[in-house]
């Protein structure tokens, strides 16, 4: 029996991530904040109630997996990273002082675990646009900044476009992919994204803009149109 099984911790699988963070949020009365309920759950975990930790994680299962995937780039490694991050979060929960949001603290553990996996494996898991234009600093330069428009939310319901968007995200360099997933998929704020990645808010904004532009270019190339 492994550590997760002995502690009664959940296994996080790709199939578990159909819910959005909003729909998976803790069921709360209007007058009770999620942070307050999370504080109660953390106290229960500290008192030995391992089931409370499952309740604490449940709203963030999708975020855990996608955050890991944004760094390691494939589902198998992302699942393993997610499991290790969950275990580390459980063991470190007593040190969480609630000075930041639990979700931000948890995501930072996931991101750090994913980065550790990359350093250990030393594999090249990432792709970028073939012969994509770059500036003097090596950063991506979009083909057509002036014509960029964000993809309308209703268009994302189109299955073909969702698949192309997934391929575009997978093709991004890691520093852009992580910011794009945290901001546009997990809906973290600029400040939270900066805290999780250990970069400035200005860097978050710059990387997010370039990630969106590069994703647009990839999607356009996949559709065979500009």
Protein backbone atom coordinates (compact mmCIF):
# COMPACT_ATOMS: atom_id res chain seq x y z
CA UNK A 1 0.00 0.00 0.00
CA UNK A 2 1.44 3.37 -1.02
CA UNK A 3 1.45 6.59 1.01
CA UNK A 4 -1.63 8.00 -0.68
CA UNK A 5 -3.68 4.85 -0.05
CA UNK A 6 -2.59 4.64 3.58
CA UNK A 7 -3.58 8.27 4.13
CA UNK A 8 -6.88 7.83 2.33
CA UNK A 9 -6.01 10.50 -0.24
CA UNK A 10 -7.71 10.70 -3.65
CA UNK A 11 -6.18 9.74 -6.96
CA UNK A 12 -6.63 12.52 -9.46
CA UNK A 13 -7.30 11.36 -13.01
CA UNK A 14 -7.91 13.23 -16.26
CA UNK A 15 -11.51 11.96 -16.29
CA UNK A 16 -12.19 13.78 -13.02
CA UNK A 17 -11.76 17.21 -14.56
CA UNK A 18 -15.00 17.85 -16.37
CA UNK A 19 -16.29 20.37 -13.87
CA UNK A 20 -15.31 23.98 -13.99
CA UNK A 21 -13.73 25.45 -10.83
CA UNK A 22 -16.93 27.43 -10.26
CA UNK A 23 -19.30 24.48 -10.51
CA UNK A 24 -17.03 22.38 -8.31
CA UNK A 25 -16.75 25.00 -5.58
CA UNK A 26 -17.72 24.25 -2.03
CA UNK A 27 -21.43 24.45 -1.40
CA UNK A 28 -21.78 27.53 0.74
CA UNK A 29 -24.53 29.62 2.16
CA UNK A 30 -24.46 33.16 0.73
CA UNK A 31 -23.31 34.64 4.04
CA UNK A 32 -20.45 32.16 4.50
CA UNK A 33 -17.25 32.64 2.50
CA UNK A 34 -15.40 29.76 0.90
CA UNK A 35 -12.21 30.82 2.69
CA UNK A 36 -14.01 30.52 6.04
CA UNK A 37 -15.25 27.02 5.24
CA UNK A 38 -11.79 26.05 4.02
CA UNK A 39 -10.40 27.23 7.36
CA UNK A 40 -12.84 24.93 9.14
CA UNK A 41 -11.81 22.01 6.93
CA UNK A 42 -8.13 22.72 7.53
CA UNK A 43 -8.77 22.65 11.27
CA UNK A 44 -10.55 19.31 10.94
CA UNK A 45 -7.63 17.88 8.96
CA UNK A 46 -5.23 19.12 11.65
CA UNK A 47 -7.32 17.23 14.19
CA UNK A 48 -6.92 13.98 12.27
CA UNK A 49 -9.96 14.00 9.96
CA UNK A 50 -8.45 12.85 6.66
CA UNK A 51 -11.83 12.86 4.93
CA UNK A 52 -11.95 16.62 5.42
CA UNK A 53 -8.86 16.88 3.23
CA UNK A 54 -10.79 15.26 0.40
CA UNK A 55 -13.49 17.90 0.80
CA UNK A 56 -10.82 20.59 0.84
CA UNK A 57 -9.31 19.35 -2.45
CA UNK A 58 -12.52 18.64 -4.33
CA UNK A 59 -13.11 22.14 -5.78
CA UNK A 60 -9.54 22.21 -7.11
CA UNK A 61 -9.12 18.76 -8.69
CA UNK A 62 -9.38 20.17 -12.19
CA UNK A 63 -6.97 23.00 -11.40
CA UNK A 64 -4.42 20.58 -9.90
CA UNK A 65 -4.33 18.45 -13.02
CA UNK A 66 -4.33 21.30 -15.54
CA UNK A 67 -1.64 23.19 -13.66
CA UNK A 68 0.57 20.11 -13.71
CA UNK A 69 -0.24 19.52 -17.38
CA UNK A 70 0.69 23.10 -18.24
CA UNK A 71 4.26 22.39 -17.11
CA UNK A 72 4.97 18.74 -17.96
CA UNK A 73 2.98 18.67 -21.20
CA UNK A 74 1.49 15.16 -21.09
CA UNK A 75 -1.32 13.53 -19.13
CA UNK A 76 0.63 10.59 -17.72
CA UNK A 77 3.27 12.78 -16.09
CA UNK A 78 0.65 15.35 -15.07
CA UNK A 79 -1.29 12.68 -13.19
CA UNK A 80 1.83 11.55 -11.32
CA UNK A 81 2.75 15.15 -10.52
CA UNK A 82 -0.79 15.77 -9.26
CA UNK A 83 -0.61 12.79 -6.90
CA UNK A 84 2.76 13.85 -5.49
CA UNK A 85 1.57 17.43 -5.07
CA UNK A 86 -1.54 16.26 -3.21
CA UNK A 87 0.60 14.20 -0.85
CA UNK A 88 2.98 17.11 -0.25
CA UNK A 89 0.07 19.48 0.35
CA UNK A 90 -1.38 17.08 2.91
CA UNK A 91 1.93 16.79 4.75
CA UNK A 92 2.54 20.54 4.67
CA UNK A 93 -0.98 21.63 5.57
CA UNK A 94 -0.05 22.27 9.19
CA UNK A 95 2.39 24.93 7.95
CA UNK A 96 -0.22 26.73 5.88
CA UNK A 97 -0.87 30.00 7.73
CA UNK A 98 -3.81 31.15 5.60
CA UNK A 99 -2.00 34.38 4.77
CA UNK A 100 -2.72 33.59 1.12
CA UNK A 101 -5.64 31.76 -0.48
CA UNK A 102 -5.56 27.99 -0.08
CA UNK A 103 -6.03 27.60 -3.84
CA UNK A 104 -2.95 29.75 -4.57
CA UNK A 105 -0.85 27.84 -2.03
CA UNK A 106 -1.99 24.50 -3.48
CA UNK A 107 -1.35 25.55 -7.08
CA UNK A 108 2.15 26.70 -6.16
CA UNK A 109 2.91 23.25 -4.74
CA UNK A 110 1.68 21.67 -7.98
CA UNK A 111 3.76 24.00 -10.17
CA UNK A 112 6.89 23.43 -8.07
CA UNK A 113 6.40 19.67 -8.19
CA UNK A 114 5.99 19.78 -11.97
CA UNK A 115 9.16 21.84 -12.36
CA UNK A 116 11.04 19.36 -10.17
CA UNK A 117 9.84 16.55 -12.41
CA UNK A 118 11.22 18.31 -15.46
CA UNK A 119 14.59 18.89 -13.83
CA UNK A 120 14.80 15.23 -12.82
CA UNK A 121 13.76 13.82 -16.16
CA UNK A 122 15.73 16.30 -18.29
CA UNK A 123 13.51 15.54 -21.20
CA UNK A 124 12.40 17.88 -23.94
CA UNK A 125 8.62 17.60 -23.73
CA UNK A 126 7.75 20.88 -25.36
CA UNK A 127 7.09 22.03 -28.87
CA UNK A 128 6.86 25.50 -30.36
CA UNK A 129 5.94 26.84 -33.76
CA UNK A 130 8.36 25.54 -36.36
CA UNK A 131 10.48 28.42 -37.57
CA UNK A 132 8.33 30.79 -35.52
CA UNK A 133 9.48 34.41 -35.58
CA UNK A 134 11.48 35.56 -32.56
CA UNK A 135 12.76 38.88 -31.34
CA UNK A 136 16.28 39.75 -30.28
CA UNK A 137 15.59 38.40 -26.80
CA UNK A 138 14.36 35.07 -28.15
CA UNK A 139 10.73 35.75 -27.28
CA UNK A 140 7.91 35.01 -29.67
CA UNK A 141 6.87 37.79 -32.05
CA UNK A 142 3.28 37.42 -33.31
CA UNK A 143 2.67 37.59 -37.04
CA UNK A 144 -0.18 40.04 -36.85
CA UNK A 145 -0.66 41.95 -33.62
CA UNK A 146 -3.07 44.47 -35.08
CA UNK A 147 -5.65 41.87 -36.12
CA UNK A 148 -5.68 39.94 -32.84
CA UNK A 149 -9.06 39.43 -31.25
CA UNK A 150 -9.78 37.17 -28.30
CA UNK A 151 -11.72 34.07 -29.29
CA UNK A 152 -15.40 34.64 -28.37
CA UNK A 153 -16.52 32.42 -25.52
CA UNK A 154 -19.42 31.03 -27.57
CA UNK A 155 -16.96 29.87 -30.25
CA UNK A 156 -15.22 27.67 -27.70
CA UNK A 157 -18.33 25.47 -27.67
CA UNK A 158 -17.30 24.32 -31.12
CA UNK A 159 -15.63 20.94 -30.72
CA UNK A 160 -13.21 21.43 -33.58
CA UNK A 161 -12.02 24.76 -32.23
CA UNK A 162 -11.63 23.34 -28.71
CA UNK A 163 -9.42 20.59 -30.10
CA UNK A 164 -7.32 23.10 -32.01
CA UNK A 165 -7.04 25.27 -28.90
CA UNK A 166 -5.83 22.26 -26.91
CA UNK A 167 -3.21 21.54 -29.58
CA UNK A 168 -2.18 25.19 -29.53
CA UNK A 169 -1.76 25.19 -25.75
CA UNK A 170 0.29 21.98 -25.90
CA UNK A 171 2.57 23.59 -28.51
CA UNK A 172 3.40 26.66 -26.41
CA UNK A 173 6.79 26.99 -24.70
CA UNK A 174 6.43 26.16 -20.98
CA UNK A 175 6.69 29.72 -19.65
CA UNK A 176 3.82 30.83 -21.87
CA UNK A 177 1.71 27.71 -21.41
CA UNK A 178 1.81 27.94 -17.61
CA UNK A 179 0.65 31.56 -17.59
CA UNK A 180 -2.10 30.89 -20.14
CA UNK A 181 -3.48 27.92 -18.21
CA UNK A 182 -3.37 29.67 -14.84
CA UNK A 183 -5.04 32.83 -16.15
CA UNK A 184 -7.43 31.69 -18.88
CA UNK A 185 -8.25 28.14 -17.72
CA UNK A 186 -7.91 28.27 -13.93
CA UNK A 187 -8.95 31.95 -13.81
CA UNK A 188 -6.31 33.02 -11.31
CA UNK A 189 -5.82 36.75 -10.94
CA UNK A 190 -2.69 38.48 -12.24
CA UNK A 191 -1.40 38.72 -8.65
CA UNK A 192 -2.12 35.05 -7.88
CA UNK A 193 -0.46 33.93 -11.11
CA UNK A 194 2.61 35.99 -10.30
CA UNK A 195 2.78 34.50 -6.79
CA UNK A 196 2.44 30.94 -8.05
CA UNK A 197 5.10 31.30 -10.74
CA UNK A 198 7.43 33.55 -8.75
CA UNK A 199 7.47 36.30 -11.38
CA UNK A 200 6.32 39.91 -11.49
CA UNK A 201 2.82 40.98 -12.46
CA UNK A 202 4.32 42.78 -15.46
CA UNK A 203 5.90 39.51 -16.62
CA UNK A 204 2.56 37.74 -16.22
CA UNK A 205 0.88 40.31 -18.47
CA UNK A 206 3.64 40.13 -21.08
CA UNK A 207 3.74 36.34 -21.18
CA UNK A 208 -0.06 36.09 -21.26
CA UNK A 209 -0.28 38.45 -24.21
CA UNK A 210 2.38 36.53 -26.13
CA UNK A 211 0.79 33.19 -25.23
CA UNK A 212 -2.58 34.33 -26.55
CA UNK A 213 -1.04 35.68 -29.73
CA UNK A 214 1.00 32.56 -30.36
CA UNK A 215 -2.05 30.38 -29.68
CA UNK A 216 -3.98 32.46 -32.21
CA UNK A 217 -1.28 31.95 -34.82
CA UNK A 218 -1.21 28.19 -34.23
CA UNK A 219 -5.00 27.95 -34.50
CA UNK A 220 -4.97 29.99 -37.69
CA UNK A 221 -2.32 27.72 -39.19
CA UNK A 222 -4.37 24.66 -38.23
CA UNK A 223 -7.45 26.13 -39.85
CA UNK A 224 -5.48 27.13 -42.92
CA UNK A 225 -6.62 30.75 -42.69
CA UNK A 226 -5.48 34.05 -41.20
